[in-house]
Amino acid sequence: MKNKNSDIRLILSLIFFHTMVIVYLYQHGMFFNIRPLENYIQILDTDWLKENLFTSLVFLHSQPPLFNLVLGLAINLNGDNVKIGLMILYQILAISSILLLFINLRNLRVLDSSRNCDTLKVR
């Protein structure tokens, strides 16, 4: 039970520190850049994503379909607030990646709980 509580505290602290880094970067002038939606080769045209999302994904399958699906859903669901919706979505994906890395390190027994602090085992 003690190990489970320390895992929950560590997960909450990871989320907290990630959030603080994002707030710090935002306060110091870093912003979410939405310009790549208009000119990156991997991203379908935003008009196609708005009007014919499914057809565009099927017929232009050489583009990354899952990423374009996520972008298309964000564009269609958020309307004029695409920037805010994508920023939130990207942060959710970033936190999910951090938590998945933590869970995998814990399951592979690379992280070792001892004396209420987590340390990496060096083999």
C-alpha atoms as a PDB file:
ATOM      1  CA  MET A   1       0.000   0.000   0.000  1.00  0.00           C
ATOM      2  CA  LYS A   2       2.880   2.353   0.766  1.00  0.00           C
ATOM      3  CA  ASN A   3       4.328   1.769  -2.696  1.00  0.00           C
ATOM      4  CA  LYS A   4       0.960   2.597  -4.317  1.00  0.00           C
ATOM      5  CA  ASN A   5       0.710   5.875  -2.383  1.00  0.00           C
ATOM      6  CA  SER A   6       4.237   6.879  -3.375  1.00  0.00           C
ATOM      7  CA  ASP A   7       3.411   6.118  -7.024  1.00  0.00           C
ATOM      8  CA  ILE A   8       0.341   8.347  -6.865  1.00  0.00           C
ATOM      9  CA  ARG A   9       2.340  11.148  -5.240  1.00  0.00           C
ATOM     10  CA  LEU A  10       5.058  10.817  -7.871  1.00  0.00           C
ATOM     11  CA  ILE A  11       2.499  10.869 -10.711  1.00  0.00           C
ATOM     12  CA  LEU A  12       0.848  13.978  -9.259  1.00  0.00           C
ATOM     13  CA  SER A  13       4.232  15.663  -8.862  1.00  0.00           C
ATOM     14  CA  LEU A  14       5.126  14.836 -12.503  1.00  0.00           C
ATOM     15  CA  ILE A  15       1.874  16.432 -13.678  1.00  0.00           C
ATOM     16  CA  PHE A  16       2.462  19.427 -11.395  1.00  0.00           C
ATOM     17  CA  PHE A  17       6.038  20.010 -12.620  1.00  0.00           C
ATOM     18  CA  HIS A  18       4.992  19.659 -16.259  1.00  0.00           C
ATOM     19  CA  THR A  19       2.254  22.219 -15.713  1.00  0.00           C
ATOM     20  CA  MET A  20       4.663  24.592 -13.973  1.00  0.00           C
ATOM     21  CA  VAL A  21       7.158  24.326 -16.859  1.00  0.00           C
ATOM     22  CA  ILE A  22       4.406  25.172 -19.361  1.00  0.00           C
ATOM     23  CA  VAL A  23       3.263  28.147 -17.252  1.00  0.00           C
ATOM     24  CA  TYR A  24       6.867  29.359 -16.897  1.00  0.00           C
ATOM     25  CA  LEU A  25       7.510  29.110 -20.639  1.00  0.00           C
ATOM     26  CA  TYR A  26       4.250  30.890 -21.430  1.00  0.00           C
ATOM     27  CA  GLN A  27       5.080  33.728 -19.027  1.00  0.00           C
ATOM     28  CA  HIS A  28       8.484  34.162 -20.652  1.00  0.00           C
ATOM     29  CA  GLY A  29       7.185  34.584 -24.179  1.00  0.00           C
ATOM     30  CA  MET A  30       6.938  31.068 -25.570  1.00  0.00           C
ATOM     31  CA  PHE A  31       3.665  30.475 -27.381  1.00  0.00           C
ATOM     32  CA  PHE A  32       1.852  27.677 -29.202  1.00  0.00           C
ATOM     33  CA  ASN A  33       2.585  27.985 -32.913  1.00  0.00           C
ATOM     34  CA  ILE A  34      -0.374  27.119 -35.131  1.00  0.00           C
ATOM     35  CA  ARG A  35       1.257  28.225 -38.417  1.00  0.00           C
ATOM     36  CA  PRO A  36       2.366  24.688 -39.389  1.00  0.00           C
ATOM     37  CA  LEU A  37      -1.296  23.830 -40.023  1.00  0.00           C
ATOM     38  CA  GLU A  38      -1.111  25.939 -43.159  1.00  0.00           C
ATOM     39  CA  ASN A  39       2.114  24.757 -44.786  1.00  0.00           C
ATOM     40  CA  TYR A  40       3.472  21.436 -43.517  1.00  0.00           C
ATOM     41  CA  ILE A  41       3.519  18.610 -46.039  1.00  0.00           C
ATOM     42  CA  GLN A  42       2.303  15.993 -43.535  1.00  0.00           C
ATOM     43  CA  ILE A  43      -0.842  17.931 -42.648  1.00  0.00           C
ATOM     44  CA  LEU A  44      -3.804  17.987 -45.000  1.00  0.00           C
ATOM     45  CA  ASP A  45      -5.293  21.292 -46.066  1.00  0.00           C
ATOM     46  CA  THR A  46      -7.431  22.733 -43.261  1.00  0.00           C
ATOM     47  CA  ASP A  47     -10.351  23.284 -45.648  1.00  0.00           C
ATOM     48  CA  TRP A  48     -10.343  19.568 -46.479  1.00  0.00           C
ATOM     49  CA  LEU A  49     -10.149  18.702 -42.793  1.00  0.00           C
ATOM     50  CA  LYS A  50     -13.134  20.974 -42.093  1.00  0.00           C
ATOM     51  CA  GLU A  51     -15.376  19.968 -44.974  1.00  0.00           C
ATOM     52  CA  ASN A  52     -14.478  16.377 -45.972  1.00  0.00           C
ATOM     53  CA  LEU A  53     -12.554  14.849 -43.097  1.00  0.00           C
ATOM     54  CA  PHE A  54     -13.321  11.177 -43.695  1.00  0.00           C
ATOM     55  CA  THR A  55     -12.986  11.349 -47.501  1.00  0.00           C
ATOM     56  CA  SER A  56      -9.668  13.179 -47.217  1.00  0.00           C
ATOM     57  CA  LEU A  57      -8.292  10.580 -44.820  1.00  0.00           C
ATOM     58  CA  VAL A  58      -9.351   7.681 -47.056  1.00  0.00           C
ATOM     59  CA  PHE A  59      -8.107   9.025 -50.377  1.00  0.00           C
ATOM     60  CA  LEU A  60      -4.940  10.675 -49.073  1.00  0.00           C
ATOM     61  CA  HIS A  61      -3.791   7.708 -47.008  1.00  0.00           C
ATOM     62  CA  SER A  62      -0.114   8.440 -47.682  1.00  0.00           C
ATOM     63  CA  GLN A  63      -0.367  11.333 -45.221  1.00  0.00           C
ATOM     64  CA  PRO A  64      -0.326  10.325 -41.526  1.00  0.00           C
ATOM     65  CA  PRO A  65      -4.025   9.466 -41.089  1.00  0.00           C
ATOM     66  CA  LEU A  66      -4.208   9.299 -37.296  1.00  0.00           C
ATOM     67  CA  PHE A  67      -2.518  12.655 -36.818  1.00  0.00           C
ATOM     68  CA  ASN A  68      -4.707  14.253 -39.486  1.00  0.00           C
ATOM     69  CA  LEU A  69      -7.783  12.674 -37.878  1.00  0.00           C
ATOM     70  CA  VAL A  70      -6.879  14.247 -34.529  1.00  0.00           C
ATOM     71  CA  LEU A  71      -6.246  17.604 -36.196  1.00  0.00           C
ATOM     72  CA  GLY A  72      -9.473  17.360 -38.182  1.00  0.00           C
ATOM     73  CA  LEU A  73     -11.494  16.554 -35.081  1.00  0.00           C
ATOM     74  CA  ALA A  74      -9.889  19.445 -33.207  1.00  0.00           C
ATOM     75  CA  ILE A  75     -10.641  21.819 -36.081  1.00  0.00           C
ATOM     76  CA  ASN A  76     -14.237  20.624 -36.438  1.00  0.00           C
ATOM     77  CA  LEU A  77     -15.012  20.581 -32.704  1.00  0.00           C
ATOM     78  CA  ASN A  78     -13.386  23.891 -31.755  1.00  0.00           C
ATOM     79  CA  GLY A  79     -14.399  26.075 -34.673  1.00  0.00           C
ATOM     80  CA  ASP A  80     -12.670  29.422 -34.223  1.00  0.00           C
ATOM     81  CA  ASN A  81     -10.762  28.335 -31.102  1.00  0.00           C
ATOM     82  CA  VAL A  82      -8.549  25.814 -32.873  1.00  0.00           C
ATOM     83  CA  LYS A  83      -5.396  27.156 -31.245  1.00  0.00           C
ATOM     84  CA  ILE A  84      -6.717  26.672 -27.705  1.00  0.00           C
ATOM     85  CA  GLY A  85      -8.107  23.215 -28.495  1.00  0.00           C
ATOM     86  CA  LEU A  86      -4.851  22.017 -30.056  1.00  0.00           C
ATOM     87  CA  MET A  87      -2.791  23.489 -27.229  1.00  0.00           C
ATOM     88  CA  ILE A  88      -4.865  21.580 -24.661  1.00  0.00           C
ATOM     89  CA  LEU A  89      -4.745  18.404 -26.759  1.00  0.00           C
ATOM     90  CA  TYR A  90      -0.953  18.603 -27.137  1.00  0.00           C
ATOM     91  CA  GLN A  91      -0.524  19.071 -23.387  1.00  0.00           C
ATOM     92  CA  ILE A  92      -2.749  16.067 -22.695  1.00  0.00           C
ATOM     93  CA  LEU A  93      -0.628  14.014 -25.105  1.00  0.00           C
ATOM     94  CA  ALA A  94       2.590  15.272 -23.469  1.00  0.00           C
ATOM     95  CA  ILE A  95       1.401  14.391 -19.959  1.00  0.00           C
ATOM     96  CA  SER A  96       0.195  11.002 -21.219  1.00  0.00           C
ATOM     97  CA  SER A  97       3.648  10.322 -22.683  1.00  0.00           C
ATOM     98  CA  ILE A  98       5.322  11.241 -19.395  1.00  0.00           C
ATOM     99  CA  LEU A  99       2.978   8.987 -17.422  1.00  0.00           C
ATOM    100  CA  LEU A 100       3.394   6.090 -19.854  1.00  0.00           C
ATOM    101  CA  LEU A 101       7.164   6.399 -19.560  1.00  0.00           C
ATOM    102  CA  PHE A 102       6.875   6.364 -15.767  1.00  0.00           C
ATOM    103  CA  ILE A 103       4.592   3.302 -15.810  1.00  0.00           C
ATOM    104  CA  ASN A 104       6.898   1.434 -18.187  1.00  0.00           C
ATOM    105  CA  LEU A 105       9.973   2.244 -16.095  1.00  0.00           C
ATOM    106  CA  ARG A 106       8.139   1.072 -12.992  1.00  0.00           C
ATOM    107  CA  ASN A 107       6.948  -2.169 -14.648  1.00  0.00           C
ATOM    108  CA  LEU A 108      10.411  -2.920 -16.017  1.00  0.00           C
ATOM    109  CA  ARG A 109      11.735  -2.366 -12.494  1.00  0.00           C
ATOM    110  CA  VAL A 110      14.094   0.377 -13.614  1.00  0.00           C
ATOM    111  CA  LEU A 111      12.623   2.680 -10.975  1.00  0.00           C
ATOM    112  CA  ASP A 112      13.065   1.501  -7.419  1.00  0.00           C
ATOM    113  CA  SER A 113      11.120   2.911  -4.472  1.00  0.00           C
ATOM    114  CA  SER A 114      13.221   3.212  -1.385  1.00  0.00           C
ATOM    115  CA  ARG A 115      13.071   5.663   1.520  1.00  0.00           C
ATOM    116  CA  ASN A 116      10.253   7.680  -0.063  1.00  0.00           C
ATOM    117  CA  CYS A 117      12.314   8.727  -3.078  1.00  0.00           C
ATOM    118  CA  ASP A 118      12.541   7.123  -6.474  1.00  0.00           C
ATOM    119  CA  THR A 119      15.946   6.409  -7.911  1.00  0.00           C
ATOM    120  CA  LEU A 120      17.123   4.800 -11.091  1.00  0.00           C
ATOM    121  CA  LYS A 121      18.810   1.443 -10.811  1.00  0.00           C
ATOM    122  CA  VAL A 122      22.124   1.351 -12.602  1.00  0.00           C
ATOM    123  CA  ARG A 123      22.899  -2.090 -13.890  1.00  0.00           C
END
